[in-house]
Amino acid sequence: MTIRFNILAGCESGIVKGIDTTNNSIYVIHKPAETYADAITLLEWSLANNETDYMQAFITTKKNNILRLKFADESIQQIGTIARSSPLRGLAYLDEDRFLTCSENGVLSIDRIKEESLVSEIEANAGPDICRLRINPFNRTYFGTGGKENDLKIWSIEELMKNEKTKNKSVIFQAKNIRPNAVRLRMPVWITDFQFIDERNRCLVVTGHHQIRLYDPQSNARRPVNEIEFEQYPIMSIALLHSSNNEHFIVGNTQGEMAQFDIKRLSSSAIVHKYKGVIGSIRSIDTHPTLPLIASASIDQYVRIHNADTYRQISKFYLKSRLTSVLFSPHSISNREEQQEKNVETINEEIENDEVWSQFKRKLTKESSDKSSSKIKMFSLFRKFSFVFNRISSQYACSSTFSHITSDGNITMVDIGHKASSQRRAIAEAIVKFPDSHTYQSYFNVTNKKGDARLCSKIAGILAAKRTSDLIPLCHPLPLSHIDIEYEHRHEENEVLIRCICSTHYQTGVEMEAMVGATIAAVTIYDMCKALSKSIEIRNIRLIEKIGGKSSITLQ
């Protein structure tokens, strides 16, 4: 039996894709008749009878259709549709023909498959605005729910199934909100995801208010026994790192920040590592059942694989659609590390490109038959350029010699936080050369029709120096303490020398601010005097003095 993929990804378009990390290949496993009509919402393993059986997974969609995927033959069967007014927020496979489901409006039910349809046997109310339901993988007789203003509840499946009278006893643990803050304001509740960490029903919860909480039902405390905060943005997903004996866990937030934490040191020092390379909101995280590998799906349409031991991003896959969920299985995993270390940061750019571009070409042909050929040529050229650019950037991304490019190929601003502040000064100059004395005298005597060019250029130069970080992408914004624009008029040469002097007390130099100020001041003089002559030249823009930092220079 050959299984072609070991990562499963669900998309907003309703497509389910499989990724073979060994060969860097992507396969379309399921494609609905109408894309974007029924987005994939959940991917879950069926581990009811055997916790090592990763041979089938269940898929839920926005319209509450439940699909069964069998890895052996890659077949997908629609089991049925659950009639709910809101989408499902959790699904757990109980046995051969029963599911535990919970929708966003709080309808909790155990559903049985009967004649290719789903029938609810037991229903309960979990409260409104549910964000997640998860079963305890260490003790599958318990599960949890939580959401907006709906704190963590841990339920007993056995009590839920007994009879109607014991439904109110099926909740064995009801979390209590933390105490009000220092100004006595109530803290809002927003559980986005959670994970059980052992058979004692201890539970790690992440929230939309960037909190990570640990609950222990056996401690007789309804409030969290420990709590920390991670950055300042909603945390959307959490996954246990199985290779660490479930002692570490991974979280990801809406800003693409993903970090690894140690459960035993769940305090301000609990963070083990913060991963790099993710761009865009993280929608889902899953870890390999045995190896130190992490798969993350983000809104930028990439699935990224990180090594939890080396903290490196070892591969990424572009899936051409916004992602909602990801599953990591142990299939086809042999020799994976050797294969991917040879191909660090490579992307199979040709995957599905032929189909996508052919559809795009057909669309252009229908819209305009006269212009279609030129448009197709243009986009084909753009496609080739994009492919070559990605290959080149990926090649150079592996180099550690670049200060502004990370090992995974992303642009970064240099961290200067560790540097000490010092007094820094820089002077740059530029020359504006007028073609003749008449033009120069019109500028110098302010007889040109636009007005005083020197005054305007001085204002422009000062403003430009202050806005340098907005003009140059990776330039740090500096608190400038002094800016001045000086003019030296050379009447015999019909030219004006402009000097921009900038000073600051900071961790990096002001050379770029001085050069930008001198340049924009010169360009402004050209703009004010271009009606007199189009032959005005701007020459010799250069840095002539730098003081402070590791080195100081003075040029003649």
Foldseek 3Di string as FASTA:
>chain_A
DAFQAFKWFWFLQRWIWGAHLLVQAIDTLDHDPGTNPKGWADKAAACQPHVQDRQKIWIAIFQQWIWIAGRVVSDIDTQEGDDDPGGWQEWYHHDDFWIWTAGQQFWTFIWGRDPSYTDTDFIDGQHHRWQHKDAASQARQKIWIAAWQRFIWIFGNVQRPPDDVSVVVRGLAGADADAADPVRDGDTFGWQDKHQQHPQRWIWTFGQQQKIFIDGSVVVHRYGPAMDGDPGGGWHEKEFQQQVVSQKIWIFGQQQKIWIFGNVPRDPPGTDDIADDGGGGWQEKYYENHAQWIWTFHQQQKIWIARNVVSDTQEMERRPGGTHYMYGYPHPCPPSVVSSVVVGLDHPLVHCPVVVLVVVLVVLCVVDVVCSVVVSVVVVVVSVVVVVVSVVLLVCLCDPPDQQHHVNRDGDAHDLPVFAWAKKKWKKKKKKADPDLVLLVCQVVQVQPLGNLQVVLFVQLVVQLQCVCVVDPRDDRFDWPDWGWDWDDDNVRSMIMIMIMTIHGGRDYSHSSRLRSNVSSSVSSCVRRVVVDVPIDMDDTDIAWIDDDPDTHGHD
